[in-house]
Structures are given as structure tokens and as C-alpha cells.
Amino acid sequence: MINTKFRNTDPEMMDDPNVSQAVLMEVLEDISRVNKLLNGNRITVRAICQLIKETTQEKYTIVDMGCGDGQILREIADFYRKKDIQVHLIGIDLSEKGIQIAKERSKEYPEIQFLRQDILKIKAEALQCDILLCTLTMHHFSNTEIPIFLDQFVKLAKIGVVINDLQRSRLAFYLFKLFSIIFIKTDIGRSDGLTSIKSGFKKDELLGFSIAIPSVYHSVQYRWAFRYLWLIRTNRPPIRK
């Protein structure tokens, strides 16, 4: 039995800058496939809708930190193309190879742009937005790094921050082992998926991070499947749930 008391600190193989672009493309396809099968991105899209309903604007700038191949941004673009709401979408990632893959897969989406930047080094005044997303990215960072970029996130986002990440649990770990046999094609995808779950979070840990940002509204809720939605409203008085 794995020990889920503490977060894993081992890096994921996909984060290795020496991974080839072809291999990275296959791994990102695995991640996108899992998100589609388990409706993981729907959690983020619904949270964005919730924030937009609470405000009145003709256009919204939405930034995705750790955008991977840009799949979530394309889903958001498709969703709002059917609405009378304009969105300008920006994907941020440290991986130059990942950015190139995202650009290639998003050629038919002029409302999306991609930038290579280090999340930990982004200055608040350089990338202002209405809504900031962090989907399956926070678990790649250590407990000492997370408060650094969270502090920047709340300064960047005028309306709110949407964090969608993994719950750390034994059940999730062993279910993913079975799931990956059928649905994950790459060895790196199988290995990194298990590492990601071990690097995920308990609710108390997320609430602990929120204490360091007392000036905004926090809501941390469990979502299917083995996810947490942490919604930070930067334009509302502070409260925690």
C-alpha cells in the first residue's frame, strides 16, 4: 500500500527538458484523453461560467498557467463561440516544446495565444487578466513554491482564480493503475499519472495554503473524479469554505 500522508516530491518524467517533442506530444495526448473521458476540464469550464455570471463585461481575458497542449483553452473557446461573450485566451507554459505543440493544435483558434514563461517569475503588472486558471499544474510544484505563485495569481486576476487539481488518495492511485492499462498509451503517461496522484492534495493542505492569502474569498470543494476545485474570488470579501 502506498503512503499518502505526505505529498510526493519526485519530479515527473514529462517535466524533463530532454524529453523529445514527439514523446511529449504523445504524453500530452494521453493527458487530454483522460480529461475528456473523465470530464476533468468541465470542472474548470463550469467554474469560469460561474465567475462570468457574477460580473458584467463584453470581453474577458482568461490566462491558463501550465497550459500543456492548450486543450482546455480550445474547449473554452468552443464553448464561448456559442455564447454572446468574447474571450481572449492566453496559455502560459515553461516548456518551449509544449508551447510549439499547443500552437500547432490551436491554429484554428485566433482568440488563443501562447507564451513561454516561468510561472514562478511572472510579474503581476506584466500579465493582468480577468480570470486565471491552473488546471493539473499546481501538483508539479513543491509546498514552498506554491505560495509564491499563488500570491502572484491573486494579483494578476481581477475577478478570480480557478484551480483544478488532484486529490491524493490510495483509491485514486490503484484505480488509475487499472484505468491506465486500457486508456494510456505511453509508459511516461502511466508513470507520471501515478506520480501526479501521489503529488496531489488533501483538502486541509489546500485550506492551509489559503490562509496565506487572507484578503480574498476562498472555496475548496471536492469534485469528480478525485479532484478539488479551489475557487478564489479576488473581487469579493474574504471567506473560506
C-alpha atoms as a PDB file:
ATOM      1  CA  MET A   1       0.000   0.000   0.000  1.00  0.00           C
ATOM      2  CA  ILE A   2       1.295   3.441  -0.880  1.00  0.00           C
ATOM      3  CA  ASN A   3       1.660   6.061   1.837  1.00  0.00           C
ATOM      4  CA  THR A   4      -0.424   9.149   1.050  1.00  0.00           C
ATOM      5  CA  LYS A   5       0.245  11.010   4.288  1.00  0.00           C
ATOM      6  CA  PHE A   6       2.703  13.384   2.622  1.00  0.00           C
ATOM      7  CA  ARG A   7       2.968  14.783  -0.899  1.00  0.00           C
ATOM      8  CA  ASN A   8       5.399  13.129  -3.282  1.00  0.00           C
ATOM      9  CA  THR A   9       8.493  15.193  -4.084  1.00  0.00           C
ATOM     10  CA  ASP A  10       9.808  13.208  -7.061  1.00  0.00           C
ATOM     11  CA  PRO A  11       9.634  15.000 -10.438  1.00  0.00           C
ATOM     12  CA  GLU A  12       7.522  13.743 -13.320  1.00  0.00           C
ATOM     13  CA  MET A  13       9.296  12.451 -16.411  1.00  0.00           C
ATOM     14  CA  MET A  14       7.352  14.768 -18.735  1.00  0.00           C
ATOM     15  CA  ASP A  15       8.923  17.756 -16.937  1.00  0.00           C
ATOM     16  CA  ASP A  16      12.398  16.685 -18.090  1.00  0.00           C
ATOM     17  CA  PRO A  17      13.524  19.248 -20.721  1.00  0.00           C
ATOM     18  CA  ASN A  18      15.366  16.424 -22.539  1.00  0.00           C
ATOM     19  CA  VAL A  19      12.123  14.613 -23.403  1.00  0.00           C
ATOM     20  CA  SER A  20      11.712  14.781 -27.182  1.00  0.00           C
ATOM     21  CA  GLN A  21       8.898  16.796 -28.710  1.00  0.00           C
ATOM     22  CA  ALA A  22       7.453  13.653 -30.311  1.00  0.00           C
ATOM     23  CA  VAL A  23       7.295  11.834 -26.969  1.00  0.00           C
ATOM     24  CA  LEU A  24       5.922  14.905 -25.193  1.00  0.00           C
ATOM     25  CA  MET A  25       3.207  15.162 -27.842  1.00  0.00           C
ATOM     26  CA  GLU A  26       2.125  11.582 -27.149  1.00  0.00           C
ATOM     27  CA  VAL A  27       2.107  12.153 -23.376  1.00  0.00           C
ATOM     28  CA  LEU A  28       0.019  15.339 -23.747  1.00  0.00           C
ATOM     29  CA  GLU A  29      -2.408  13.365 -25.915  1.00  0.00           C
ATOM     30  CA  ASP A  30      -2.707  10.842 -23.074  1.00  0.00           C
ATOM     31  CA  ILE A  31      -3.484  13.635 -20.608  1.00  0.00           C
ATOM     32  CA  SER A  32      -6.070  15.191 -22.923  1.00  0.00           C
ATOM     33  CA  ARG A  33      -7.703  11.784 -23.474  1.00  0.00           C
ATOM     34  CA  VAL A  34      -8.028  11.161 -19.729  1.00  0.00           C
ATOM     35  CA  ASN A  35      -9.501  14.633 -19.161  1.00  0.00           C
ATOM     36  CA  LYS A  36     -12.081  14.053 -21.886  1.00  0.00           C
ATOM     37  CA  LEU A  37     -13.032  10.596 -20.615  1.00  0.00           C
ATOM     38  CA  LEU A  38     -13.413  11.787 -17.011  1.00  0.00           C
ATOM     39  CA  ASN A  39     -14.810  15.253 -17.892  1.00  0.00           C
ATOM     40  CA  GLY A  40     -11.995  16.839 -15.892  1.00  0.00           C
ATOM     41  CA  ASN A  41     -11.967  20.052 -17.911  1.00  0.00           C
ATOM     42  CA  ARG A  42     -15.707  20.528 -17.395  1.00  0.00           C
ATOM     43  CA  ILE A  43     -14.929  21.397 -13.776  1.00  0.00           C
ATOM     44  CA  THR A  44     -12.854  24.359 -14.944  1.00  0.00           C
ATOM     45  CA  VAL A  45     -15.318  25.484 -17.625  1.00  0.00           C
ATOM     46  CA  ARG A  46     -18.224  25.473 -15.166  1.00  0.00           C
ATOM     47  CA  ALA A  47     -16.195  27.496 -12.664  1.00  0.00           C
ATOM     48  CA  ILE A  48     -15.408  30.069 -15.361  1.00  0.00           C
ATOM     49  CA  CYS A  49     -19.139  30.292 -16.186  1.00  0.00           C
ATOM     50  CA  GLN A  50     -19.873  30.858 -12.514  1.00  0.00           C
ATOM     51  CA  LEU A  51     -17.404  33.733 -12.300  1.00  0.00           C
ATOM     52  CA  ILE A  52     -18.621  35.312 -15.543  1.00  0.00           C
ATOM     53  CA  LYS A  53     -22.255  35.179 -14.379  1.00  0.00           C
ATOM     54  CA  GLU A  54     -21.236  37.221 -11.349  1.00  0.00           C
ATOM     55  CA  THR A  55     -19.777  40.026 -13.489  1.00  0.00           C
ATOM     56  CA  THR A  56     -20.872  42.144 -16.459  1.00  0.00           C
ATOM     57  CA  GLN A  57     -18.331  42.627 -19.220  1.00  0.00           C
ATOM     58  CA  GLU A  58     -18.308  42.414 -23.015  1.00  0.00           C
ATOM     59  CA  LYS A  59     -14.931  40.659 -23.102  1.00  0.00           C
ATOM     60  CA  TYR A  60     -12.883  38.558 -20.707  1.00  0.00           C
ATOM     61  CA  THR A  61      -9.172  37.815 -20.699  1.00  0.00           C
ATOM     62  CA  ILE A  62      -8.502  34.319 -19.362  1.00  0.00           C
ATOM     63  CA  VAL A  63      -4.978  33.054 -18.640  1.00  0.00           C
ATOM     64  CA  ASP A  64      -4.118  29.366 -18.225  1.00  0.00           C
ATOM     65  CA  MET A  65      -0.972  28.735 -16.189  1.00  0.00           C
ATOM     66  CA  GLY A  66       0.719  25.492 -17.264  1.00  0.00           C
ATOM     67  CA  CYS A  67      -1.335  25.145 -20.429  1.00  0.00           C
ATOM     68  CA  GLY A  68       0.275  21.978 -21.805  1.00  0.00           C
ATOM     69  CA  ASP A  69      -1.032  21.405 -25.341  1.00  0.00           C
ATOM     70  CA  GLY A  70      -3.771  24.027 -24.891  1.00  0.00           C
ATOM     71  CA  GLN A  71      -6.678  21.573 -24.765  1.00  0.00           C
ATOM     72  CA  ILE A  72      -8.580  23.375 -22.002  1.00  0.00           C
ATOM     73  CA  LEU A  73      -8.258  26.704 -23.844  1.00  0.00           C
ATOM     74  CA  ARG A  74      -9.680  25.187 -27.029  1.00  0.00           C
ATOM     75  CA  GLU A  75     -12.614  23.801 -25.054  1.00  0.00           C
ATOM     76  CA  ILE A  76     -13.240  27.233 -23.522  1.00  0.00           C
ATOM     77  CA  ALA A  77     -13.017  28.863 -26.965  1.00  0.00           C
ATOM     78  CA  ASP A  78     -15.508  26.366 -28.430  1.00  0.00           C
ATOM     79  CA  PHE A  79     -17.876  26.939 -25.506  1.00  0.00           C
ATOM     80  CA  TYR A  80     -17.894  30.738 -25.728  1.00  0.00           C
ATOM     81  CA  ARG A  81     -18.098  30.820 -29.505  1.00  0.00           C
ATOM     82  CA  LYS A  82     -21.676  29.649 -28.940  1.00  0.00           C
ATOM     83  CA  LYS A  83     -22.323  32.498 -26.480  1.00  0.00           C
ATOM     84  CA  ASP A  84     -22.523  36.249 -26.952  1.00  0.00           C
ATOM     85  CA  ILE A  85     -19.331  36.674 -24.934  1.00  0.00           C
ATOM     86  CA  GLN A  86     -15.877  37.479 -26.261  1.00  0.00           C
ATOM     87  CA  VAL A  87     -12.870  35.791 -24.693  1.00  0.00           C
ATOM     88  CA  HIS A  88      -9.169  36.415 -25.181  1.00  0.00           C
ATOM     89  CA  LEU A  89      -7.293  33.299 -24.078  1.00  0.00           C
ATOM     90  CA  ILE A  90      -3.606  33.119 -23.132  1.00  0.00           C
ATOM     91  CA  GLY A  91      -1.700  29.914 -22.424  1.00  0.00           C
ATOM     92  CA  ILE A  92       1.473  30.060 -20.323  1.00  0.00           C
ATOM     93  CA  ASP A  93       3.971  27.210 -20.097  1.00  0.00           C
ATOM     94  CA  LEU A  94       7.667  26.822 -19.310  1.00  0.00           C
ATOM     95  CA  SER A  95       8.189  24.143 -21.954  1.00  0.00           C
ATOM     96  CA  GLU A  96       9.141  25.527 -25.364  1.00  0.00           C
ATOM     97  CA  LYS A  97       8.290  22.144 -26.878  1.00  0.00           C
ATOM     98  CA  GLY A  98       4.884  22.199 -25.197  1.00  0.00           C
ATOM     99  CA  ILE A  99       4.210  25.720 -26.469  1.00  0.00           C
ATOM    100  CA  GLN A 100       5.025  24.661 -30.032  1.00  0.00           C
ATOM    101  CA  ILE A 101       2.644  21.697 -29.758  1.00  0.00           C
ATOM    102  CA  ALA A 102      -0.086  23.961 -28.360  1.00  0.00           C
ATOM    103  CA  LYS A 103       0.351  26.472 -31.188  1.00  0.00           C
ATOM    104  CA  GLU A 104       0.193  23.720 -33.810  1.00  0.00           C
ATOM    105  CA  ARG A 105      -3.001  22.280 -32.323  1.00  0.00           C
ATOM    106  CA  SER A 106      -4.654  25.698 -31.973  1.00  0.00           C
ATOM    107  CA  LYS A 107      -4.170  27.084 -35.486  1.00  0.00           C
ATOM    108  CA  GLU A 108      -7.932  27.474 -35.967  1.00  0.00           C
ATOM    109  CA  TYR A 109      -8.316  29.486 -32.763  1.00  0.00           C
ATOM    110  CA  PRO A 110      -7.266  33.113 -33.330  1.00  0.00           C
ATOM    111  CA  GLU A 111      -8.615  34.024 -29.883  1.00  0.00           C
ATOM    112  CA  ILE A 112      -5.832  31.944 -28.269  1.00  0.00           C
ATOM    113  CA  GLN A 113      -2.200  32.946 -27.884  1.00  0.00           C
ATOM    114  CA  PHE A 114       0.644  31.124 -26.170  1.00  0.00           C
ATOM    115  CA  LEU A 115       3.625  32.477 -24.243  1.00  0.00           C
ATOM    116  CA  ARG A 116       6.656  30.711 -22.822  1.00  0.00           C
ATOM    117  CA  GLN A 117       7.175  31.991 -19.279  1.00  0.00           C
ATOM    118  CA  ASP A 118       8.152  30.690 -15.854  1.00  0.00           C
ATOM    119  CA  ILE A 119       5.114  30.752 -13.542  1.00  0.00           C
ATOM    120  CA  LEU A 120       7.343  31.461 -10.553  1.00  0.00           C
ATOM    121  CA  LYS A 121       8.837  34.551 -12.200  1.00  0.00           C
ATOM    122  CA  ILE A 122       5.784  36.234 -13.719  1.00  0.00           C
ATOM    123  CA  LYS A 123       5.321  39.813 -12.530  1.00  0.00           C
ATOM    124  CA  ALA A 124       1.791  40.872 -11.595  1.00  0.00           C
ATOM    125  CA  GLU A 125       1.950  44.047 -13.655  1.00  0.00           C
ATOM    126  CA  ALA A 126       3.028  42.174 -16.802  1.00  0.00           C
ATOM    127  CA  LEU A 127       0.057  39.867 -17.363  1.00  0.00           C
ATOM    128  CA  GLN A 128      -3.188  41.276 -15.992  1.00  0.00           C
ATOM    129  CA  CYS A 129      -6.302  39.206 -16.700  1.00  0.00           C
ATOM    130  CA  ASP A 130      -9.878  38.755 -15.544  1.00  0.00           C
ATOM    131  CA  ILE A 131      -9.749  35.035 -14.740  1.00  0.00           C
ATOM    132  CA  LEU A 132      -6.688  32.891 -14.126  1.00  0.00           C
ATOM    133  CA  LEU A 133      -6.721  29.095 -14.499  1.00  0.00           C
ATOM    134  CA  CYS A 134      -4.413  26.498 -13.017  1.00  0.00           C
ATOM    135  CA  THR A 135      -5.555  23.040 -14.130  1.00  0.00           C
ATOM    136  CA  LEU A 136      -3.490  19.992 -13.139  1.00  0.00           C
ATOM    137  CA  THR A 137      -0.423  22.193 -12.787  1.00  0.00           C
ATOM    138  CA  MET A 138      -0.091  23.035  -9.097  1.00  0.00           C
ATOM    139  CA  HIS A 139       0.814  19.464  -8.121  1.00  0.00           C
ATOM    140  CA  HIS A 140       4.018  19.801 -10.172  1.00  0.00           C
ATOM    141  CA  PHE A 141       5.301  22.318  -7.588  1.00  0.00           C
ATOM    142  CA  SER A 142       6.640  21.918  -4.058  1.00  0.00           C
ATOM    143  CA  ASN A 143       4.943  23.204  -0.914  1.00  0.00           C
ATOM    144  CA  THR A 144       7.474  26.030  -0.737  1.00  0.00           C
ATOM    145  CA  GLU A 145       6.915  27.091  -4.370  1.00  0.00           C
ATOM    146  CA  ILE A 146       3.096  27.072  -4.293  1.00  0.00           C
ATOM    147  CA  PRO A 147       2.643  30.170  -2.051  1.00  0.00           C
ATOM    148  CA  ILE A 148       4.976  32.139  -4.349  1.00  0.00           C
ATOM    149  CA  PHE A 149       2.829  31.784  -7.443  1.00  0.00           C
ATOM    150  CA  LEU A 150      -0.477  31.889  -5.556  1.00  0.00           C
ATOM    151  CA  ASP A 151       0.466  35.336  -4.289  1.00  0.00           C
ATOM    152  CA  GLN A 152       1.064  36.397  -7.902  1.00  0.00           C
ATOM    153  CA  PHE A 153      -2.131  34.741  -9.141  1.00  0.00           C
ATOM    154  CA  VAL A 154      -4.414  36.838  -6.940  1.00  0.00           C
ATOM    155  CA  LYS A 155      -2.608  39.990  -8.085  1.00  0.00           C
ATOM    156  CA  LEU A 156      -2.964  39.025 -11.759  1.00  0.00           C
ATOM    157  CA  ALA A 157      -6.669  38.107 -11.749  1.00  0.00           C
ATOM    158  CA  LYS A 158      -9.249  40.888 -11.395  1.00  0.00           C
ATOM    159  CA  ILE A 159     -12.235  38.539 -10.956  1.00  0.00           C
ATOM    160  CA  GLY A 160     -10.952  35.197  -9.778  1.00  0.00           C
ATOM    161  CA  VAL A 161      -8.624  32.212  -9.866  1.00  0.00           C
ATOM    162  CA  VAL A 162      -9.767  28.676 -10.761  1.00  0.00           C
ATOM    163  CA  ILE A 163      -7.542  25.854  -9.510  1.00  0.00           C
ATOM    164  CA  ASN A 164      -8.485  22.323 -10.583  1.00  0.00           C
ATOM    165  CA  ASP A 165      -6.149  19.663  -9.228  1.00  0.00           C
ATOM    166  CA  LEU A 166      -5.889  16.116  -7.967  1.00  0.00           C
ATOM    167  CA  GLN A 167      -6.949  14.590  -4.690  1.00  0.00           C
ATOM    168  CA  ARG A 168      -4.204  12.436  -3.177  1.00  0.00           C
ATOM    169  CA  SER A 169      -5.680   9.066  -2.218  1.00  0.00           C
ATOM    170  CA  ARG A 170      -4.890   5.355  -2.305  1.00  0.00           C
ATOM    171  CA  LEU A 171      -8.151   4.598  -4.114  1.00  0.00           C
ATOM    172  CA  ALA A 172      -7.357   7.079  -6.890  1.00  0.00           C
ATOM    173  CA  PHE A 173      -3.862   5.590  -7.226  1.00  0.00           C
ATOM    174  CA  TYR A 174      -4.984   1.997  -7.656  1.00  0.00           C
ATOM    175  CA  LEU A 175      -7.968   2.841  -9.853  1.00  0.00           C
ATOM    176  CA  PHE A 176      -5.661   4.802 -12.154  1.00  0.00           C
ATOM    177  CA  LYS A 177      -3.360   1.789 -12.377  1.00  0.00           C
ATOM    178  CA  LEU A 178      -6.249  -0.220 -13.810  1.00  0.00           C
ATOM    179  CA  PHE A 179      -7.541   2.659 -15.941  1.00  0.00           C
ATOM    180  CA  SER A 180      -4.123   3.324 -17.489  1.00  0.00           C
ATOM    181  CA  ILE A 181      -3.788  -0.230 -18.810  1.00  0.00           C
ATOM    182  CA  ILE A 182      -6.596   0.482 -21.272  1.00  0.00           C
ATOM    183  CA  PHE A 183      -6.583   4.230 -21.840  1.00  0.00           C
ATOM    184  CA  ILE A 184      -2.963   5.385 -21.506  1.00  0.00           C
ATOM    185  CA  LYS A 185      -0.696   4.594 -24.452  1.00  0.00           C
ATOM    186  CA  THR A 186       2.694   5.799 -23.201  1.00  0.00           C
ATOM    187  CA  ASP A 187       4.860   4.433 -20.407  1.00  0.00           C
ATOM    188  CA  ILE A 188       5.607   8.003 -19.316  1.00  0.00           C
ATOM    189  CA  GLY A 189       1.879   8.751 -19.166  1.00  0.00           C
ATOM    190  CA  ARG A 190       1.271   5.729 -16.920  1.00  0.00           C
ATOM    191  CA  SER A 191       4.207   6.506 -14.636  1.00  0.00           C
ATOM    192  CA  ASP A 192       3.553  10.254 -14.448  1.00  0.00           C
ATOM    193  CA  GLY A 193      -0.138   9.689 -13.801  1.00  0.00           C
ATOM    194  CA  LEU A 194       0.689   7.727 -10.655  1.00  0.00           C
ATOM    195  CA  THR A 195       3.315  10.285  -9.641  1.00  0.00           C
ATOM    196  CA  SER A 196       0.745  13.060 -10.125  1.00  0.00           C
ATOM    197  CA  ILE A 197      -1.734  11.378  -7.797  1.00  0.00           C
ATOM    198  CA  LYS A 198       0.965  10.964  -5.135  1.00  0.00           C
ATOM    199  CA  SER A 199       1.780  14.670  -5.612  1.00  0.00           C
ATOM    200  CA  GLY A 200      -1.871  15.726  -5.282  1.00  0.00           C
ATOM    201  CA  PHE A 201      -3.518  17.304  -2.265  1.00  0.00           C
ATOM    202  CA  LYS A 202      -5.658  16.753   0.788  1.00  0.00           C
ATOM    203  CA  LYS A 203      -8.319  19.376   1.439  1.00  0.00           C
ATOM    204  CA  ASP A 204      -6.655  20.527   4.659  1.00  0.00           C
ATOM    205  CA  GLU A 205      -3.455  21.244   2.717  1.00  0.00           C
ATOM    206  CA  LEU A 206      -5.282  23.485   0.251  1.00  0.00           C
ATOM    207  CA  LEU A 207      -7.027  25.296   3.096  1.00  0.00           C
ATOM    208  CA  GLY A 208      -3.618  25.743   4.695  1.00  0.00           C
ATOM    209  CA  PHE A 209      -2.300  27.453   1.559  1.00  0.00           C
ATOM    210  CA  SER A 210      -5.368  29.707   1.521  1.00  0.00           C
ATOM    211  CA  ILE A 211      -4.578  31.062   4.990  1.00  0.00           C
ATOM    212  CA  ALA A 212      -1.555  32.818   3.499  1.00  0.00           C
ATOM    213  CA  ILE A 213      -3.917  34.827   1.247  1.00  0.00           C
ATOM    214  CA  PRO A 214      -6.453  36.270   3.718  1.00  0.00           C
ATOM    215  CA  SER A 215      -7.642  39.208   1.607  1.00  0.00           C
ATOM    216  CA  VAL A 216      -9.791  37.203  -0.858  1.00  0.00           C
ATOM    217  CA  TYR A 217     -12.706  34.743  -0.913  1.00  0.00           C
ATOM    218  CA  HIS A 218     -11.753  31.043  -0.910  1.00  0.00           C
ATOM    219  CA  SER A 219     -13.891  27.991  -1.651  1.00  0.00           C
ATOM    220  CA  VAL A 220     -12.404  24.476  -1.792  1.00  0.00           C
ATOM    221  CA  GLN A 221     -14.766  21.707  -2.893  1.00  0.00           C
ATOM    222  CA  TYR A 222     -14.358  18.052  -3.890  1.00  0.00           C
ATOM    223  CA  ARG A 223     -15.289  17.208  -7.488  1.00  0.00           C
ATOM    224  CA  TRP A 224     -15.497  14.010  -9.528  1.00  0.00           C
ATOM    225  CA  ALA A 225     -13.214  12.199 -10.196  1.00  0.00           C
ATOM    226  CA  PHE A 226     -10.728  12.633  -7.369  1.00  0.00           C
ATOM    227  CA  ARG A 227     -10.388  16.369  -7.991  1.00  0.00           C
ATOM    228  CA  TYR A 228     -10.540  19.526  -5.912  1.00  0.00           C
ATOM    229  CA  LEU A 229     -11.901  22.799  -7.225  1.00  0.00           C
ATOM    230  CA  TRP A 230     -10.347  25.741  -5.423  1.00  0.00           C
ATOM    231  CA  LEU A 231     -12.168  28.919  -6.419  1.00  0.00           C
ATOM    232  CA  ILE A 232     -10.598  32.212  -5.379  1.00  0.00           C
ATOM    233  CA  ARG A 233     -12.735  35.305  -5.943  1.00  0.00           C
ATOM    234  CA  THR A 234     -10.381  38.253  -5.932  1.00  0.00           C
ATOM    235  CA  ASN A 235     -13.220  40.795  -6.218  1.00  0.00           C
ATOM    236  CA  ARG A 236     -15.157  39.648  -3.122  1.00  0.00           C
ATOM    237  CA  PRO A 237     -14.659  39.949   0.645  1.00  0.00           C
ATOM    238  CA  PRO A 238     -12.662  37.146   2.286  1.00  0.00           C
ATOM    239  CA  ILE A 239     -14.351  33.942   3.441  1.00  0.00           C
ATOM    240  CA  ARG A 240     -13.360  30.253   3.454  1.00  0.00           C
ATOM    241  CA  LYS A 241     -15.372  27.113   2.825  1.00  0.00           C
END
